PDB file of N, CA and C in Angstrom:
ATOM      1  N   MET A   1       0.844  -1.178   0.000  1.00  0.00           N
ATOM      2  CA  MET A   1       0.000   0.000   0.000  1.00  0.00           C
ATOM      3  C   MET A   1       0.889   1.241   0.000  1.00  0.00           C
ATOM      4  N   ASN A   2       0.659   2.124  -0.924  1.00  0.00           N
ATOM      5  CA  ASN A   2       1.426   3.361  -1.029  1.00  0.00           C
ATOM      6  C   ASN A   2       0.641   4.480  -0.346  1.00  0.00           C
ATOM      7  N   LEU A   3       1.085   4.871   0.833  1.00  0.00           N
ATOM      8  CA  LEU A   3       0.383   5.903   1.594  1.00  0.00           C
ATOM      9  C   LEU A   3       0.804   7.309   1.201  1.00  0.00           C
ATOM     10  N   ASN A   4       1.660   7.432   0.213  1.00  0.00           N
ATOM     11  CA  ASN A   4       2.125   8.754  -0.202  1.00  0.00           C
ATOM     12  C   ASN A   4       1.135   9.497  -1.085  1.00  0.00           C
ATOM     13  N   THR A   5       0.110   8.819  -1.556  1.00  0.00           N
ATOM     14  CA  THR A   5      -0.893   9.480  -2.387  1.00  0.00           C
ATOM     15  C   THR A   5      -2.266   9.359  -1.746  1.00  0.00           C
ATOM     16  N   TRP A   6      -3.088  10.399  -1.906  1.00  0.00           N
ATOM     17  CA  TRP A   6      -4.411  10.447  -1.312  1.00  0.00           C
ATOM     18  C   TRP A   6      -5.346   9.445  -1.979  1.00  0.00           C
ATOM     19  N   SER A   7      -6.059   8.720  -1.145  1.00  0.00           N
ATOM     20  CA  SER A   7      -7.191   7.920  -1.586  1.00  0.00           C
ATOM     21  C   SER A   7      -8.035   7.656  -0.350  1.00  0.00           C
ATOM     22  N   GLU A   8      -9.324   7.424  -0.537  1.00  0.00           N
ATOM     23  CA  GLU A   8     -10.175   7.146   0.611  1.00  0.00           C
ATOM     24  C   GLU A   8      -9.706   5.888   1.330  1.00  0.00           C
ATOM     25  N   GLU A   9      -9.220   4.920   0.576  1.00  0.00           N
ATOM     26  CA  GLU A   9      -8.713   3.683   1.177  1.00  0.00           C
ATOM     27  C   GLU A   9      -7.518   3.967   2.087  1.00  0.00           C
ATOM     28  N   ASN A  10      -6.602   4.812   1.643  1.00  0.00           N
ATOM     29  CA  ASN A  10      -5.445   5.173   2.458  1.00  0.00           C
ATOM     30  C   ASN A  10      -5.857   5.924   3.714  1.00  0.00           C
ATOM     31  N   VAL A  11      -6.797   6.843   3.567  1.00  0.00           N
ATOM     32  CA  VAL A  11      -7.282   7.605   4.718  1.00  0.00           C
ATOM     33  C   VAL A  11      -7.925   6.665   5.738  1.00  0.00           C
ATOM     34  N   GLU A  12      -8.784   5.773   5.275  1.00  0.00           N
ATOM     35  CA  GLU A  12      -9.428   4.787   6.161  1.00  0.00           C
ATOM     36  C   GLU A  12      -8.381   3.969   6.892  1.00  0.00           C
ATOM     37  N   PHE A  13      -7.393   3.476   6.154  1.00  0.00           N
ATOM     38  CA  PHE A  13      -6.343   2.652   6.738  1.00  0.00           C
ATOM     39  C   PHE A  13      -5.609   3.413   7.841  1.00  0.00           C
ATOM     40  N   MET A  14      -5.203   4.643   7.555  1.00  0.00           N
ATOM     41  CA  MET A  14      -4.452   5.413   8.546  1.00  0.00           C
ATOM     42  C   MET A  14      -5.290   5.704   9.780  1.00  0.00           C
ATOM     43  N   PHE A  15      -6.560   6.079   9.594  1.00  0.00           N
ATOM     44  CA  PHE A  15      -7.431   6.316  10.745  1.00  0.00           C
ATOM     45  C   PHE A  15      -7.575   5.055  11.591  1.00  0.00           C
ATOM     46  N   GLU A  16      -7.773   3.918  10.947  1.00  0.00           N
ATOM     47  CA  GLU A  16      -7.932   2.661  11.684  1.00  0.00           C
ATOM     48  C   GLU A  16      -6.667   2.318  12.467  1.00  0.00           C
ATOM     49  N   GLU A  17      -5.519   2.501  11.856  1.00  0.00           N
ATOM     50  CA  GLU A  17      -4.257   2.203  12.534  1.00  0.00           C
ATOM     51  C   GLU A  17      -4.013   3.157  13.696  1.00  0.00           C
ATOM     52  N   ILE A  18      -4.344   4.425  13.519  1.00  0.00           N
ATOM     53  CA  ILE A  18      -4.192   5.397  14.608  1.00  0.00           C
ATOM     54  C   ILE A  18      -5.122   5.025  15.758  1.00  0.00           C
ATOM     55  N   LYS A  19      -6.362   4.678  15.442  1.00  0.00           N
ATOM     56  CA  LYS A  19      -7.314   4.281  16.485  1.00  0.00           C
ATOM     57  C   LYS A  19      -6.824   3.054  17.242  1.00  0.00           C
ATOM     58  N   LYS A  20      -6.298   2.076  16.535  1.00  0.00           N
ATOM     59  CA  LYS A  20      -5.769   0.872  17.189  1.00  0.00           C
ATOM     60  C   LYS A  20      -4.601   1.213  18.101  1.00  0.00           C
ATOM     61  N   LYS A  21      -3.680   2.004  17.583  1.00  0.00           N
ATOM     62  CA  LYS A  21      -2.471   2.339  18.334  1.00  0.00           C
ATOM     63  C   LYS A  21      -2.810   3.126  19.601  1.00  0.00           C
ATOM     64  N   LEU A  22      -3.795   4.007  19.515  1.00  0.00           N
ATOM     65  CA  LEU A  22      -4.172   4.828  20.669  1.00  0.00           C
ATOM     66  C   LEU A  22      -5.240   4.152  21.523  1.00  0.00           C
ATOM     67  N   ARG A  23      -5.688   2.991  21.074  1.00  0.00           N
ATOM     68  CA  ARG A  23      -6.742   2.244  21.757  1.00  0.00           C
ATOM     69  C   ARG A  23      -7.999   3.093  21.927  1.00  0.00           C
ATOM     70  N   MET A  24      -8.356   3.792  20.862  1.00  0.00           N
ATOM     71  CA  MET A  24      -9.554   4.630  20.874  1.00  0.00           C
ATOM     72  C   MET A  24     -10.770   3.743  20.651  1.00  0.00           C
ATOM     73  N   ALA A  25     -11.715   3.818  21.560  1.00  0.00           N
ATOM     74  CA  ALA A  25     -12.918   2.997  21.447  1.00  0.00           C
ATOM     75  C   ALA A  25     -13.850   3.548  20.379  1.00  0.00           C
ATOM     76  N   THR A  26     -13.885   4.847  20.255  1.00  0.00           N
ATOM     77  CA  THR A  26     -14.768   5.451  19.268  1.00  0.00           C
ATOM     78  C   THR A  26     -13.947   6.200  18.246  1.00  0.00           C
ATOM     79  N   GLY A  27     -14.526   6.396  17.134  1.00  0.00           N
ATOM     80  CA  GLY A  27     -13.876   7.120  16.058  1.00  0.00           C
ATOM     81  C   GLY A  27     -14.801   7.136  14.867  1.00  0.00           C
ATOM     82  N   GLY A  28     -16.060   6.826  15.147  1.00  0.00           N
ATOM     83  CA  GLY A  28     -17.047   6.757  14.083  1.00  0.00           C
ATOM     84  C   GLY A  28     -17.251   8.062  13.353  1.00  0.00           C
ATOM     85  N   SER A  29     -16.954   9.161  14.044  1.00  0.00           N
ATOM     86  CA  SER A  29     -17.132  10.454  13.398  1.00  0.00           C
ATOM     87  C   SER A  29     -15.999  10.764  12.424  1.00  0.00           C
ATOM     88  N   ILE A  30     -14.965   9.932  12.444  1.00  0.00           N
ATOM     89  CA  ILE A  30     -13.840  10.116  11.534  1.00  0.00           C
ATOM     90  C   ILE A  30     -14.046   9.207  10.338  1.00  0.00           C
ATOM     91  N   LYS A  31     -14.325   9.806   9.205  1.00  0.00           N
ATOM     92  CA  LYS A  31     -14.563   9.041   7.990  1.00  0.00           C
ATOM     93  C   LYS A  31     -13.651   9.560   6.887  1.00  0.00           C
ATOM     94  N   ALA A  32     -13.262   8.671   6.023  1.00  0.00           N
ATOM     95  CA  ALA A  32     -12.373   9.040   4.914  1.00  0.00           C
ATOM     96  C   ALA A  32     -12.991  10.132   4.051  1.00  0.00           C
ATOM     97  N   SER A  33     -14.290  10.087   3.878  1.00  0.00           N
ATOM     98  CA  SER A  33     -14.944  11.075   3.020  1.00  0.00           C
ATOM     99  C   SER A  33     -14.880  12.479   3.621  1.00  0.00           C
ATOM    100  N   ASN A  34     -14.556  12.581   4.927  1.00  0.00           N
ATOM    101  CA  ASN A  34     -14.432  13.890   5.580  1.00  0.00           C
ATOM    102  C   ASN A  34     -13.074  14.531   5.357  1.00  0.00           C
ATOM    103  N   VAL A  35     -12.111  13.760   4.860  1.00  0.00           N
ATOM    104  CA  VAL A  35     -10.742  14.258   4.722  1.00  0.00           C
ATOM    105  C   VAL A  35     -10.504  14.712   3.290  1.00  0.00           C
ATOM    106  N   LYS A  36     -10.196  15.978   3.164  1.00  0.00           N
ATOM    107  CA  LYS A  36      -9.943  16.537   1.845  1.00  0.00           C
ATOM    108  C   LYS A  36      -8.478  16.288   1.463  1.00  0.00           C
ATOM    109  N   GLU A  37      -8.256  16.276   0.193  1.00  0.00           N
ATOM    110  CA  GLU A  37      -6.920  15.979  -0.324  1.00  0.00           C
ATOM    111  C   GLU A  37      -5.871  16.972   0.172  1.00  0.00           C
ATOM    112  N   ASP A  38      -6.269  18.226   0.397  1.00  0.00           N
ATOM    113  CA  ASP A  38      -5.293  19.239   0.799  1.00  0.00           C
ATOM    114  C   ASP A  38      -4.787  19.077   2.234  1.00  0.00           C
ATOM    115  N   VAL A  39      -5.438  18.257   3.070  1.00  0.00           N
ATOM    116  CA  VAL A  39      -4.941  18.004   4.429  1.00  0.00           C
ATOM    117  C   VAL A  39      -4.377  16.587   4.564  1.00  0.00           C
ATOM    118  N   TYR A  40      -4.290  15.885   3.457  1.00  0.00           N
ATOM    119  CA  TYR A  40      -3.807  14.503   3.486  1.00  0.00           C
ATOM    120  C   TYR A  40      -2.382  14.418   4.041  1.00  0.00           C
ATOM    121  N   GLU A  41      -1.532  15.338   3.656  1.00  0.00           N
ATOM    122  CA  GLU A  41      -0.151  15.318   4.127  1.00  0.00           C
ATOM    123  C   GLU A  41      -0.093  15.472   5.650  1.00  0.00           C
ATOM    124  N   ASP A  42      -0.983  16.290   6.215  1.00  0.00           N
ATOM    125  CA  ASP A  42      -1.048  16.441   7.672  1.00  0.00           C
ATOM    126  C   ASP A  42      -1.429  15.117   8.331  1.00  0.00           C
ATOM    127  N   LEU A  43      -2.397  14.423   7.749  1.00  0.00           N
ATOM    128  CA  LEU A  43      -2.804  13.122   8.275  1.00  0.00           C
ATOM    129  C   LEU A  43      -1.653  12.130   8.177  1.00  0.00           C
ATOM    130  N   LYS A  44      -0.966  12.127   7.066  1.00  0.00           N
ATOM    131  CA  LYS A  44       0.164  11.203   6.868  1.00  0.00           C
ATOM    132  C   LYS A  44       1.257  11.478   7.892  1.00  0.00           C
ATOM    133  N   ASP A  45       1.558  12.745   8.152  1.00  0.00           N
ATOM    134  CA  ASP A  45       2.564  13.104   9.153  1.00  0.00           C
ATOM    135  C   ASP A  45       2.139  12.630  10.543  1.00  0.00           C
ATOM    136  N   LEU A  46       0.878  12.834  10.872  1.00  0.00           N
ATOM    137  CA  LEU A  46       0.353  12.393  12.168  1.00  0.00           C
ATOM    138  C   LEU A  46       0.412  10.873  12.272  1.00  0.00           C
ATOM    139  N   TYR A  47       0.022  10.187  11.217  1.00  0.00           N
ATOM    140  CA  TYR A  47       0.075   8.722  11.171  1.00  0.00           C
ATOM    141  C   TYR A  47       1.507   8.232  11.400  1.00  0.00           C
ATOM    142  N   ASP A  48       2.467   8.810  10.682  1.00  0.00           N
ATOM    143  CA  ASP A  48       3.869   8.403  10.811  1.00  0.00           C
ATOM    144  C   ASP A  48       4.362   8.578  12.244  1.00  0.00           C
ATOM    145  N   MET A  49       3.994   9.686  12.887  1.00  0.00           N
ATOM    146  CA  MET A  49       4.412   9.942  14.259  1.00  0.00           C
ATOM    147  C   MET A  49       3.779   8.934  15.219  1.00  0.00           C
ATOM    148  N   VAL A  50       2.484   8.678  15.069  1.00  0.00           N
ATOM    149  CA  VAL A  50       1.785   7.750  15.964  1.00  0.00           C
ATOM    150  C   VAL A  50       2.346   6.341  15.825  1.00  0.00           C
ATOM    151  N   ILE A  51       2.554   5.895  14.609  1.00  0.00           N
ATOM    152  CA  ILE A  51       3.041   4.535  14.371  1.00  0.00           C
ATOM    153  C   ILE A  51       4.472   4.358  14.898  1.00  0.00           C
ATOM    154  N   SER A  52       5.250   5.414  14.898  1.00  0.00           N
ATOM    155  CA  SER A  52       6.649   5.312  15.320  1.00  0.00           C
ATOM    156  C   SER A  52       6.826   5.218  16.835  1.00  0.00           C
ATOM    157  N   LYS A  53       5.783   5.560  17.607  1.00  0.00           N
ATOM    158  CA  LYS A  53       5.905   5.568  19.071  1.00  0.00           C
ATOM    159  C   LYS A  53       5.274   4.333  19.691  1.00  0.00           C
ATOM    160  N   ASP A  54       5.831   3.914  20.819  1.00  0.00           N
ATOM    161  CA  ASP A  54       5.279   2.773  21.538  1.00  0.00           C
ATOM    162  C   ASP A  54       4.276   3.186  22.611  1.00  0.00           C
ATOM    163  N   ARG A  55       4.513   4.327  23.234  1.00  0.00           N
ATOM    164  CA  ARG A  55       3.646   4.793  24.317  1.00  0.00           C
ATOM    165  C   ARG A  55       3.344   6.266  24.153  1.00  0.00           C
ATOM    166  N   PHE A  56       2.200   6.664  24.738  1.00  0.00           N
ATOM    167  CA  PHE A  56       1.760   8.049  24.643  1.00  0.00           C
ATOM    168  C   PHE A  56       1.316   8.540  26.013  1.00  0.00           C
ATOM    169  N   SER A  57       1.640   9.777  26.309  1.00  0.00           N
ATOM    170  CA  SER A  57       1.151  10.383  27.541  1.00  0.00           C
ATOM    171  C   SER A  57      -0.288  10.850  27.294  1.00  0.00           C
ATOM    172  N   ILE A  58      -0.968  11.174  28.368  1.00  0.00           N
ATOM    173  CA  ILE A  58      -2.338  11.684  28.258  1.00  0.00           C
ATOM    174  C   ILE A  58      -2.359  12.959  27.418  1.00  0.00           C
ATOM    175  N   SER A  59      -1.396  13.839  27.651  1.00  0.00           N
ATOM    176  CA  SER A  59      -1.367  15.098  26.893  1.00  0.00           C
ATOM    177  C   SER A  59      -1.081  14.854  25.410  1.00  0.00           C
ATOM    178  N   GLU A  60      -0.263  13.850  25.095  1.00  0.00           N
ATOM    179  CA  GLU A  60      -0.006  13.512  23.687  1.00  0.00           C
ATOM    180  C   GLU A  60      -1.276  12.978  23.020  1.00  0.00           C
ATOM    181  N   ILE A  61      -1.993  12.123  23.714  1.00  0.00           N
ATOM    182  CA  ILE A  61      -3.242  11.582  23.161  1.00  0.00           C
ATOM    183  C   ILE A  61      -4.240  12.705  22.931  1.00  0.00           C
ATOM    184  N   ASP A  62      -4.311  13.621  23.877  1.00  0.00           N
ATOM    185  CA  ASP A  62      -5.203  14.766  23.726  1.00  0.00           C
ATOM    186  C   ASP A  62      -4.817  15.605  22.507  1.00  0.00           C
ATOM    187  N   ALA A  63      -3.529  15.851  22.342  1.00  0.00           N
ATOM    188  CA  ALA A  63      -3.053  16.635  21.198  1.00  0.00           C
ATOM    189  C   ALA A  63      -3.326  15.914  19.881  1.00  0.00           C
ATOM    190  N   ILE A  64      -3.140  14.614  19.867  1.00  0.00           N
ATOM    191  CA  ILE A  64      -3.380  13.826  18.650  1.00  0.00           C
ATOM    192  C   ILE A  64      -4.856  13.848  18.280  1.00  0.00           C
ATOM    193  N   THR A  65      -5.730  13.661  19.268  1.00  0.00           N
ATOM    194  CA  THR A  65      -7.164  13.669  18.959  1.00  0.00           C
ATOM    195  C   THR A  65      -7.628  15.058  18.522  1.00  0.00           C
ATOM    196  N   THR A  66      -7.026  16.093  19.101  1.00  0.00           N
ATOM    197  CA  THR A  66      -7.342  17.462  18.662  1.00  0.00           C
ATOM    198  C   THR A  66      -6.933  17.647  17.207  1.00  0.00           C
ATOM    199  N   GLU A  67      -5.753  17.172  16.869  1.00  0.00           N
ATOM    200  CA  GLU A  67      -5.255  17.289  15.487  1.00  0.00           C
ATOM    201  C   GLU A  67      -6.127  16.484  14.523  1.00  0.00           C
ATOM    202  N   LEU A  68      -6.558  15.304  14.941  1.00  0.00           N
ATOM    203  CA  LEU A  68      -7.466  14.505  14.100  1.00  0.00           C
ATOM    204  C   LEU A  68      -8.761  15.267  13.828  1.00  0.00           C
ATOM    205  N   GLY A  69      -9.250  15.961  14.841  1.00  0.00           N
ATOM    206  CA  GLY A  69     -10.452  16.768  14.665  1.00  0.00           C
ATOM    207  C   GLY A  69     -10.245  17.872  13.653  1.00  0.00           C
ATOM    208  N   LYS A  70      -9.073  18.519  13.698  1.00  0.00           N
ATOM    209  CA  LYS A  70      -8.767  19.582  12.733  1.00  0.00           C
ATOM    210  C   LYS A  70      -8.671  19.011  11.315  1.00  0.00           C
ATOM    211  N   ILE A  71      -8.054  17.841  11.198  1.00  0.00           N
ATOM    212  CA  ILE A  71      -7.919  17.202   9.886  1.00  0.00           C
ATOM    213  C   ILE A  71      -9.290  16.834   9.341  1.00  0.00           C
ATOM    214  N   ARG A  72     -10.129  16.314  10.208  1.00  0.00           N
ATOM    215  CA  ARG A  72     -11.479  15.897   9.784  1.00  0.00           C
ATOM    216  C   ARG A  72     -12.270  17.098   9.266  1.00  0.00           C
ATOM    217  N   LYS A  73     -12.102  18.239   9.910  1.00  0.00           N
ATOM    218  CA  LYS A  73     -12.827  19.432   9.486  1.00  0.00           C
ATOM    219  C   LYS A  73     -12.208  20.067   8.242  1.00  0.00           C
ATOM    220  N   GLY A  74     -10.916  19.736   8.023  1.00  0.00           N
ATOM    221  CA  GLY A  74     -10.190  20.159   6.827  1.00  0.00           C
ATOM    222  C   GLY A  74     -10.229  21.610   6.586  1.00  0.00           C
TER     223      GLY A  74
END
């Protein structure tokens, strides 16, 4: 899978992986169709950072979820 280019499939994949990594129970409001192509790079950067870490502090999780909200609103 090439995550360097925007597609709804890539967006879905990254959201699912971020949710798994952060152990987020909910995330239904985050849908691939909500993410515009112009914020895709921001999502990819966030995904890369989340996947690279093993543990997160409460403040990091809060910052990540805030950023996801901004990306979703595009």
